[in-house]
Amino acid sequence: MADTSTGNGSGGERTAEEASSRDTLDDLCAYSIVVRTSSDQNASTDGSVFIQLTDKEGNRTSKCRLNCSISHRRKFQRAHSDLFVLTEQNLLAELKTVDVWLKSRHSDGASWKLHSVNVIEHASNLLYRFPCNKWLSDESEDSAHVQIEATGLPFKVLRDEFFDVQK
């Protein structure tokens, strides 16, 4: 009878389904997103914020709601930097733009002054900077969205030897 193991057996072979799944996982990446709210008066928001990353080739991540800040219980408050992690996203080439959307959670509308967005791509540990310093408002589609271009060259924030457990 043929071996129908899941690829974890002594043969080390993978089924076509496992190979396809693994190849898909190789194309996925995590991103740390640091969103800084301006220190200007009334810069905070309780609206919903969405983000999407785009590389120089036009490839994109999913449009993601920034839901749970790792750094603050109340996100998007004046002069705060909020950390979010996006997992299982498309692995992108060099990042070009970040799109940010603001959507009100209440009928009275929302406004917010975005200072900047910093992105660390986990596959290469590169940091990209996206300065903004603009007000977003959900009064119209134009004012509820901003596309920010990366400035400067990305730089490595964690070196590979930090993770070398053999040393």
N, C-alpha and C. Protein backbone atom coordinates (compact mmCIF):
# COMPACT_ATOMS: atom_id res chain seq x y z
N MET A 1 0.85 -1.17 0.00
CA MET A 1 0.00 0.00 0.00
C MET A 1 0.89 1.24 0.00
N ALA A 2 0.49 2.29 -0.70
CA ALA A 2 1.28 3.51 -0.81
C ALA A 2 1.24 4.29 0.50
N ASP A 3 2.34 5.00 0.76
CA ASP A 3 2.44 5.82 1.95
C ASP A 3 1.61 7.09 1.74
N THR A 4 0.67 7.35 2.64
CA THR A 4 -0.17 8.54 2.54
C THR A 4 0.13 9.51 3.68
N SER A 5 1.38 9.51 4.14
CA SER A 5 1.74 10.39 5.24
C SER A 5 1.67 11.85 4.79
N THR A 6 1.71 12.73 5.76
CA THR A 6 1.54 14.15 5.47
C THR A 6 2.85 14.85 5.19
N GLY A 7 3.90 14.10 4.93
CA GLY A 7 5.16 14.74 4.62
C GLY A 7 6.06 14.88 5.83
N ASN A 8 5.61 14.42 6.98
CA ASN A 8 6.42 14.52 8.19
C ASN A 8 7.13 13.22 8.50
N GLY A 9 6.94 12.23 7.65
CA GLY A 9 7.52 10.92 7.89
C GLY A 9 8.98 10.86 7.51
N SER A 10 9.54 9.66 7.52
CA SER A 10 10.97 9.49 7.29
C SER A 10 11.38 9.82 5.86
N GLY A 11 10.45 9.74 4.90
CA GLY A 11 10.80 10.02 3.51
C GLY A 11 11.06 11.49 3.24
N GLY A 12 10.49 12.38 4.04
CA GLY A 12 10.70 13.81 3.86
C GLY A 12 10.00 14.39 2.65
N GLU A 13 9.14 13.61 2.00
CA GLU A 13 8.44 14.11 0.83
C GLU A 13 7.18 14.85 1.25
N ARG A 14 6.80 15.84 0.44
CA ARG A 14 5.59 16.60 0.72
C ARG A 14 4.56 16.30 -0.35
N THR A 15 3.30 16.32 0.03
CA THR A 15 2.25 16.16 -0.95
C THR A 15 2.17 17.43 -1.79
N ALA A 16 1.52 17.35 -2.93
CA ALA A 16 1.37 18.52 -3.80
C ALA A 16 0.64 19.64 -3.06
N GLU A 17 -0.36 19.28 -2.26
CA GLU A 17 -1.12 20.28 -1.50
C GLU A 17 -0.23 20.99 -0.49
N GLU A 18 0.64 20.23 0.21
CA GLU A 18 1.55 20.83 1.18
C GLU A 18 2.58 21.72 0.50
N ALA A 19 3.08 21.27 -0.63
CA ALA A 19 4.06 22.06 -1.36
C ALA A 19 3.45 23.38 -1.80
N SER A 20 2.22 23.32 -2.31
CA SER A 20 1.53 24.53 -2.76
C SER A 20 1.28 25.46 -1.58
N SER A 21 0.84 24.91 -0.45
CA SER A 21 0.59 25.70 0.74
C SER A 21 1.87 26.35 1.23
N ARG A 22 2.97 25.61 1.24
CA ARG A 22 4.26 26.13 1.71
C ARG A 22 4.76 27.23 0.77
N ASP A 23 4.63 27.02 -0.53
CA ASP A 23 5.06 28.04 -1.48
C ASP A 23 4.27 29.33 -1.28
N THR A 24 2.97 29.21 -0.99
CA THR A 24 2.15 30.38 -0.73
C THR A 24 2.62 31.07 0.53
N LEU A 25 2.93 30.32 1.58
CA LEU A 25 3.42 30.91 2.82
C LEU A 25 4.74 31.64 2.62
N ASP A 26 5.59 31.13 1.71
CA ASP A 26 6.86 31.78 1.44
C ASP A 26 6.66 33.18 0.84
N ASP A 27 5.52 33.42 0.22
CA ASP A 27 5.22 34.71 -0.39
C ASP A 27 4.53 35.66 0.58
N LEU A 28 4.37 35.23 1.84
CA LEU A 28 3.70 36.06 2.84
C LEU A 28 4.72 36.69 3.78
N CYS A 29 4.32 37.78 4.37
CA CYS A 29 5.23 38.53 5.23
C CYS A 29 4.43 39.23 6.32
N ALA A 30 5.10 39.57 7.40
CA ALA A 30 4.50 40.40 8.45
C ALA A 30 5.13 41.78 8.38
N TYR A 31 4.36 42.78 8.79
CA TYR A 31 4.81 44.16 8.81
C TYR A 31 4.45 44.77 10.16
N SER A 32 5.40 45.46 10.77
CA SER A 32 5.11 46.27 11.96
C SER A 32 4.82 47.68 11.46
N ILE A 33 3.71 48.23 11.92
CA ILE A 33 3.27 49.55 11.49
C ILE A 33 3.24 50.46 12.72
N VAL A 34 3.98 51.56 12.69
CA VAL A 34 3.93 52.54 13.76
C VAL A 34 3.24 53.79 13.21
N VAL A 35 2.08 54.10 13.78
CA VAL A 35 1.29 55.25 13.34
C VAL A 35 1.41 56.32 14.43
N ARG A 36 1.91 57.48 14.03
CA ARG A 36 2.08 58.56 15.00
C ARG A 36 1.03 59.64 14.75
N THR A 37 0.28 59.96 15.80
CA THR A 37 -0.70 61.03 15.74
C THR A 37 -0.01 62.34 16.10
N SER A 38 -0.39 63.42 15.45
CA SER A 38 0.22 64.73 15.69
C SER A 38 0.03 65.18 17.14
N SER A 39 0.90 66.08 17.58
CA SER A 39 0.76 66.66 18.92
C SER A 39 -0.11 67.92 18.90
N ASP A 40 -0.64 68.28 17.73
CA ASP A 40 -1.51 69.45 17.62
C ASP A 40 -2.80 69.26 18.44
N GLN A 41 -3.37 70.38 18.84
CA GLN A 41 -4.63 70.35 19.58
C GLN A 41 -5.71 69.63 18.76
N ASN A 42 -6.50 68.80 19.39
CA ASN A 42 -7.62 68.06 18.78
C ASN A 42 -7.18 67.11 17.67
N ALA A 43 -5.95 66.63 17.70
CA ALA A 43 -5.44 65.74 16.66
C ALA A 43 -5.94 64.30 16.81
N SER A 44 -6.44 63.92 17.97
CA SER A 44 -6.88 62.55 18.24
C SER A 44 -8.13 62.19 17.45
N THR A 45 -8.38 60.89 17.33
CA THR A 45 -9.62 60.42 16.72
C THR A 45 -10.07 59.13 17.41
N ASP A 46 -11.37 58.91 17.39
CA ASP A 46 -11.89 57.60 17.79
C ASP A 46 -12.48 56.89 16.57
N GLY A 47 -12.18 57.43 15.38
CA GLY A 47 -12.63 56.82 14.13
C GLY A 47 -11.83 55.56 13.81
N SER A 48 -12.28 54.84 12.83
CA SER A 48 -11.58 53.64 12.35
C SER A 48 -10.56 54.04 11.31
N VAL A 49 -9.35 53.48 11.43
CA VAL A 49 -8.27 53.79 10.50
C VAL A 49 -7.89 52.51 9.75
N PHE A 50 -7.75 52.65 8.44
CA PHE A 50 -7.38 51.54 7.56
C PHE A 50 -6.08 51.88 6.86
N ILE A 51 -5.31 50.84 6.50
CA ILE A 51 -4.01 51.06 5.86
C ILE A 51 -3.79 50.02 4.78
N GLN A 52 -3.06 50.41 3.74
CA GLN A 52 -2.66 49.49 2.67
C GLN A 52 -1.29 49.91 2.17
N LEU A 53 -0.39 48.93 2.04
CA LEU A 53 0.97 49.18 1.57
C LEU A 53 1.07 48.82 0.09
N THR A 54 1.86 49.61 -0.66
CA THR A 54 2.08 49.35 -2.09
C THR A 54 3.56 49.44 -2.38
N ASP A 55 4.07 48.51 -3.21
CA ASP A 55 5.50 48.55 -3.56
C ASP A 55 5.69 49.24 -4.91
N LYS A 56 6.95 49.36 -5.32
CA LYS A 56 7.29 50.07 -6.56
C LYS A 56 6.77 49.37 -7.81
N GLU A 57 6.42 48.08 -7.68
CA GLU A 57 5.89 47.32 -8.81
C GLU A 57 4.37 47.35 -8.86
N GLY A 58 3.72 48.02 -7.91
CA GLY A 58 2.27 48.12 -7.88
C GLY A 58 1.58 47.01 -7.10
N ASN A 59 2.34 46.09 -6.51
CA ASN A 59 1.74 45.04 -5.67
C ASN A 59 1.30 45.65 -4.35
N ARG A 60 0.25 45.06 -3.75
CA ARG A 60 -0.32 45.62 -2.53
C ARG A 60 -0.58 44.56 -1.47
N THR A 61 -0.65 45.03 -0.24
CA THR A 61 -1.15 44.20 0.85
C THR A 61 -2.67 44.31 0.84
N SER A 62 -3.31 43.59 1.71
CA SER A 62 -4.74 43.77 1.91
C SER A 62 -4.98 45.14 2.54
N LYS A 63 -6.17 45.68 2.35
CA LYS A 63 -6.57 46.89 3.07
C LYS A 63 -6.98 46.44 4.46
N CYS A 64 -6.25 46.88 5.49
CA CYS A 64 -6.44 46.37 6.85
C CYS A 64 -6.89 47.47 7.79
N ARG A 65 -7.85 47.14 8.64
CA ARG A 65 -8.24 48.05 9.72
C ARG A 65 -7.22 47.91 10.83
N LEU A 66 -6.71 49.04 11.31
CA LEU A 66 -5.77 49.03 12.43
C LEU A 66 -6.59 48.96 13.71
N ASN A 67 -6.73 47.76 14.21
CA ASN A 67 -7.70 47.49 15.25
C ASN A 67 -7.13 47.53 16.66
N CYS A 68 -6.07 46.80 16.93
CA CYS A 68 -5.54 46.67 18.29
C CYS A 68 -4.12 47.21 18.37
N SER A 69 -3.96 48.36 19.00
CA SER A 69 -2.64 48.93 19.20
C SER A 69 -1.92 48.13 20.28
N ILE A 70 -0.69 47.76 20.00
CA ILE A 70 0.12 47.04 20.97
C ILE A 70 0.64 48.00 22.04
N SER A 71 0.81 49.26 21.69
CA SER A 71 1.45 50.22 22.60
C SER A 71 0.49 51.03 23.48
N HIS A 72 -0.77 51.19 23.06
CA HIS A 72 -1.71 52.00 23.84
C HIS A 72 -3.10 51.37 23.83
N ARG A 73 -3.75 51.43 24.96
CA ARG A 73 -5.12 50.91 25.05
C ARG A 73 -6.07 51.72 24.16
N ARG A 74 -5.95 53.04 24.21
CA ARG A 74 -6.74 53.92 23.33
C ARG A 74 -5.84 54.37 22.19
N LYS A 75 -6.15 53.95 21.01
CA LYS A 75 -5.29 54.25 19.86
C LYS A 75 -5.62 55.62 19.27
N PHE A 76 -4.65 56.15 18.52
CA PHE A 76 -4.77 57.39 17.76
C PHE A 76 -5.06 58.60 18.65
N GLN A 77 -4.38 58.65 19.79
CA GLN A 77 -4.51 59.79 20.69
C GLN A 77 -3.37 60.78 20.42
N ARG A 78 -3.62 62.03 20.73
CA ARG A 78 -2.68 63.13 20.50
C ARG A 78 -1.27 62.79 21.01
N ALA A 79 -0.28 62.94 20.12
CA ALA A 79 1.16 62.75 20.41
C ALA A 79 1.53 61.31 20.75
N HIS A 80 0.68 60.36 20.46
CA HIS A 80 1.00 58.95 20.70
C HIS A 80 1.47 58.28 19.42
N SER A 81 2.34 57.29 19.61
CA SER A 81 2.74 56.39 18.52
C SER A 81 2.14 55.03 18.83
N ASP A 82 1.35 54.52 17.91
CA ASP A 82 0.68 53.24 18.09
C ASP A 82 1.32 52.19 17.20
N LEU A 83 1.59 51.03 17.80
CA LEU A 83 2.22 49.92 17.08
C LEU A 83 1.17 48.87 16.73
N PHE A 84 1.17 48.47 15.46
CA PHE A 84 0.28 47.42 14.96
C PHE A 84 1.13 46.41 14.19
N VAL A 85 0.69 45.16 14.15
CA VAL A 85 1.38 44.15 13.37
C VAL A 85 0.39 43.56 12.37
N LEU A 86 0.77 43.63 11.10
CA LEU A 86 -0.02 43.00 10.04
C LEU A 86 0.64 41.67 9.72
N THR A 87 -0.11 40.59 9.80
CA THR A 87 0.44 39.27 9.52
C THR A 87 -0.17 38.70 8.25
N GLU A 88 0.53 37.72 7.69
CA GLU A 88 0.07 37.00 6.50
C GLU A 88 -0.34 37.94 5.38
N GLN A 89 0.54 38.90 5.10
CA GLN A 89 0.32 39.84 4.01
C GLN A 89 1.24 39.48 2.85
N ASN A 90 0.92 39.98 1.67
CA ASN A 90 1.77 39.76 0.50
C ASN A 90 3.17 40.29 0.77
N LEU A 91 4.18 39.51 0.41
CA LEU A 91 5.55 39.98 0.49
C LEU A 91 5.78 40.95 -0.65
N LEU A 92 6.10 42.17 -0.34
CA LEU A 92 6.26 43.21 -1.34
C LEU A 92 7.72 43.49 -1.61
N ALA A 93 7.99 44.05 -2.79
CA ALA A 93 9.33 44.55 -3.11
C ALA A 93 9.51 45.85 -2.33
N GLU A 94 10.39 46.71 -2.77
CA GLU A 94 10.63 47.97 -2.05
C GLU A 94 9.34 48.78 -1.95
N LEU A 95 8.97 49.17 -0.72
CA LEU A 95 7.73 49.91 -0.50
C LEU A 95 7.80 51.29 -1.14
N LYS A 96 6.69 51.70 -1.71
CA LYS A 96 6.61 53.00 -2.36
C LYS A 96 5.63 53.92 -1.64
N THR A 97 4.42 53.42 -1.37
CA THR A 97 3.40 54.27 -0.75
C THR A 97 2.65 53.52 0.35
N VAL A 98 2.06 54.33 1.21
CA VAL A 98 1.11 53.85 2.21
C VAL A 98 -0.17 54.64 2.00
N ASP A 99 -1.28 53.94 1.88
CA ASP A 99 -2.59 54.59 1.81
C ASP A 99 -3.24 54.46 3.18
N VAL A 100 -3.81 55.58 3.66
CA VAL A 100 -4.47 55.60 4.97
C VAL A 100 -5.86 56.18 4.77
N TRP A 101 -6.86 55.52 5.37
CA TRP A 101 -8.25 55.97 5.31
C TRP A 101 -8.77 56.15 6.73
N LEU A 102 -9.63 57.15 6.91
CA LEU A 102 -10.32 57.39 8.17
C LEU A 102 -11.80 57.25 7.94
N LYS A 103 -12.44 56.48 8.81
CA LYS A 103 -13.89 56.30 8.71
C LYS A 103 -14.50 56.51 10.09
N SER A 104 -15.53 57.32 10.13
CA SER A 104 -16.20 57.60 11.41
C SER A 104 -16.94 56.38 11.91
N ARG A 105 -16.93 56.20 13.22
CA ARG A 105 -17.73 55.13 13.84
C ARG A 105 -19.03 55.69 14.40
N HIS A 106 -19.22 57.01 14.30
CA HIS A 106 -20.41 57.69 14.82
C HIS A 106 -20.98 58.60 13.74
N SER A 107 -22.20 59.05 13.95
CA SER A 107 -22.85 59.91 12.95
C SER A 107 -22.31 61.33 12.95
N ASP A 108 -21.58 61.74 14.01
CA ASP A 108 -21.09 63.12 14.07
C ASP A 108 -19.76 63.32 13.34
N GLY A 109 -19.25 62.31 12.67
CA GLY A 109 -18.04 62.46 11.86
C GLY A 109 -16.76 62.27 12.66
N ALA A 110 -15.65 62.28 11.93
CA ALA A 110 -14.35 62.09 12.56
C ALA A 110 -13.31 62.93 11.84
N SER A 111 -12.33 63.41 12.59
CA SER A 111 -11.17 64.06 12.01
C SER A 111 -9.96 63.60 12.80
N TRP A 112 -8.77 63.72 12.18
CA TRP A 112 -7.55 63.19 12.80
C TRP A 112 -6.36 63.80 12.08
N LYS A 113 -5.34 64.17 12.83
CA LYS A 113 -4.11 64.67 12.20
C LYS A 113 -3.04 63.60 12.32
N LEU A 114 -2.69 63.04 11.18
CA LEU A 114 -1.68 62.00 11.08
C LEU A 114 -0.31 62.64 10.93
N HIS A 115 0.58 62.35 11.87
CA HIS A 115 1.94 62.88 11.80
C HIS A 115 2.78 62.07 10.82
N SER A 116 2.81 60.73 11.00
CA SER A 116 3.66 59.89 10.15
C SER A 116 3.32 58.42 10.33
N VAL A 117 3.83 57.63 9.39
CA VAL A 117 3.73 56.17 9.46
C VAL A 117 5.13 55.61 9.21
N ASN A 118 5.56 54.69 10.05
CA ASN A 118 6.81 53.96 9.83
C ASN A 118 6.46 52.49 9.68
N VAL A 119 7.11 51.82 8.74
CA VAL A 119 6.82 50.41 8.46
C VAL A 119 8.12 49.61 8.52
N ILE A 120 8.08 48.52 9.29
CA ILE A 120 9.20 47.57 9.28
C ILE A 120 8.71 46.31 8.58
N GLU A 121 9.41 45.97 7.50
CA GLU A 121 9.10 44.74 6.78
C GLU A 121 9.91 43.62 7.43
N HIS A 122 9.23 42.62 7.97
CA HIS A 122 9.88 41.59 8.78
C HIS A 122 10.77 40.65 7.98
N ALA A 123 10.52 40.46 6.70
CA ALA A 123 11.34 39.53 5.91
C ALA A 123 12.77 40.03 5.77
N SER A 124 12.96 41.33 5.65
CA SER A 124 14.31 41.89 5.49
C SER A 124 14.71 42.84 6.61
N ASN A 125 13.80 43.07 7.56
CA ASN A 125 14.03 43.99 8.68
C ASN A 125 14.37 45.40 8.22
N LEU A 126 13.74 45.84 7.14
CA LEU A 126 13.95 47.19 6.62
C LEU A 126 12.87 48.13 7.15
N LEU A 127 13.29 49.33 7.54
CA LEU A 127 12.38 50.36 8.02
C LEU A 127 12.16 51.39 6.91
N TYR A 128 10.90 51.67 6.63
CA TYR A 128 10.51 52.68 5.65
C TYR A 128 9.79 53.79 6.41
N ARG A 129 10.05 55.04 6.02
CA ARG A 129 9.44 56.19 6.68
C ARG A 129 8.50 56.93 5.72
N PHE A 130 7.32 57.29 6.26
CA PHE A 130 6.29 57.95 5.49
C PHE A 130 5.77 59.17 6.27
N PRO A 131 6.40 60.33 6.15
CA PRO A 131 5.91 61.52 6.86
C PRO A 131 4.64 62.05 6.21
N CYS A 132 3.71 62.55 7.03
CA CYS A 132 2.44 63.00 6.48
C CYS A 132 2.09 64.41 6.94
N ASN A 133 1.82 64.58 8.24
CA ASN A 133 1.47 65.86 8.84
C ASN A 133 0.24 66.50 8.18
N LYS A 134 -0.82 65.68 7.97
CA LYS A 134 -2.05 66.17 7.33
C LYS A 134 -3.26 65.78 8.16
N TRP A 135 -4.29 66.61 8.03
CA TRP A 135 -5.58 66.31 8.65
C TRP A 135 -6.37 65.40 7.73
N LEU A 136 -7.00 64.40 8.31
CA LEU A 136 -7.95 63.56 7.59
C LEU A 136 -9.32 63.79 8.21
N SER A 137 -10.35 63.79 7.38
CA SER A 137 -11.71 63.99 7.85
C SER A 137 -12.63 63.14 6.98
N ASP A 138 -13.66 62.59 7.59
CA ASP A 138 -14.55 61.74 6.81
C ASP A 138 -15.68 62.54 6.16
N GLU A 139 -15.51 63.87 6.06
CA GLU A 139 -16.53 64.73 5.43
C GLU A 139 -16.70 64.43 3.94
N SER A 140 -15.60 64.01 3.27
CA SER A 140 -15.67 63.64 1.86
C SER A 140 -14.66 62.53 1.62
N GLU A 141 -14.80 61.83 0.49
CA GLU A 141 -13.86 60.76 0.17
C GLU A 141 -12.45 61.27 0.02
N ASP A 142 -12.31 62.47 -0.56
CA ASP A 142 -10.98 63.05 -0.76
C ASP A 142 -10.28 63.35 0.55
N SER A 143 -11.00 63.87 1.53
CA SER A 143 -10.36 64.25 2.79
C SER A 143 -10.24 63.07 3.76
N ALA A 144 -10.89 61.96 3.47
CA ALA A 144 -10.82 60.79 4.34
C ALA A 144 -9.69 59.85 3.96
N HIS A 145 -8.95 60.17 2.90
CA HIS A 145 -7.89 59.29 2.40
C HIS A 145 -6.64 60.11 2.10
N VAL A 146 -5.48 59.52 2.41
CA VAL A 146 -4.22 60.14 2.03
C VAL A 146 -3.28 59.04 1.54
N GLN A 147 -2.55 59.34 0.49
CA GLN A 147 -1.51 58.43 0.01
C GLN A 147 -0.17 59.10 0.28
N ILE A 148 0.69 58.40 1.03
CA ILE A 148 1.96 58.97 1.46
C ILE A 148 3.10 58.22 0.79
N GLU A 149 4.04 58.96 0.22
CA GLU A 149 5.21 58.35 -0.42
C GLU A 149 6.34 58.20 0.59
N ALA A 150 7.10 57.12 0.43
CA ALA A 150 8.27 56.89 1.29
C ALA A 150 9.30 57.98 1.05
N THR A 151 9.98 58.38 2.13
CA THR A 151 11.06 59.35 2.00
C THR A 151 12.37 58.71 2.43
N GLY A 152 13.43 59.11 1.77
CA GLY A 152 14.74 58.56 2.09
C GLY A 152 14.84 57.10 1.69
N LEU A 153 15.98 56.52 1.98
CA LEU A 153 16.19 55.12 1.68
C LEU A 153 15.79 54.27 2.88
N PRO A 154 15.26 53.08 2.64
CA PRO A 154 14.97 52.21 3.78
C PRO A 154 16.28 51.79 4.43
N PHE A 155 16.23 51.50 5.72
CA PHE A 155 17.46 51.05 6.38
C PHE A 155 17.16 49.88 7.30
N LYS A 156 18.17 49.05 7.49
CA LYS A 156 18.06 47.84 8.28
C LYS A 156 18.00 48.21 9.75
N VAL A 157 17.00 47.71 10.47
CA VAL A 157 16.84 48.05 11.88
C VAL A 157 17.29 46.92 12.80
N LEU A 158 17.27 45.71 12.32
CA LEU A 158 17.76 44.56 13.09
C LEU A 158 18.70 43.77 12.21
N ARG A 159 19.86 43.48 12.73
CA ARG A 159 20.83 42.72 11.95
C ARG A 159 20.59 41.23 12.16
N ASP A 160 20.92 40.43 11.16
CA ASP A 160 20.71 38.99 11.22
C ASP A 160 21.43 38.35 12.39
N GLU A 161 22.61 38.87 12.77
CA GLU A 161 23.35 38.24 13.86
C GLU A 161 22.64 38.37 15.20
N PHE A 162 21.67 39.27 15.34
CA PHE A 162 20.89 39.36 16.57
C PHE A 162 20.11 38.08 16.81
N PHE A 163 19.82 37.36 15.73
CA PHE A 163 18.97 36.18 15.83
C PHE A 163 19.79 34.88 15.72
N ASP A 164 21.10 34.99 15.62
CA ASP A 164 21.95 33.80 15.51
C ASP A 164 22.15 33.19 16.88
N VAL A 165 21.47 32.07 17.15
CA VAL A 165 21.54 31.43 18.46
C VAL A 165 22.78 30.54 18.61
N GLN A 166 23.54 30.37 17.54
CA GLN A 166 24.73 29.54 17.58
C GLN A 166 25.91 30.26 18.22
N LYS A 167 25.90 31.56 18.29
CA LYS A 167 27.02 32.34 18.81
C LYS A 167 27.09 32.27 20.32
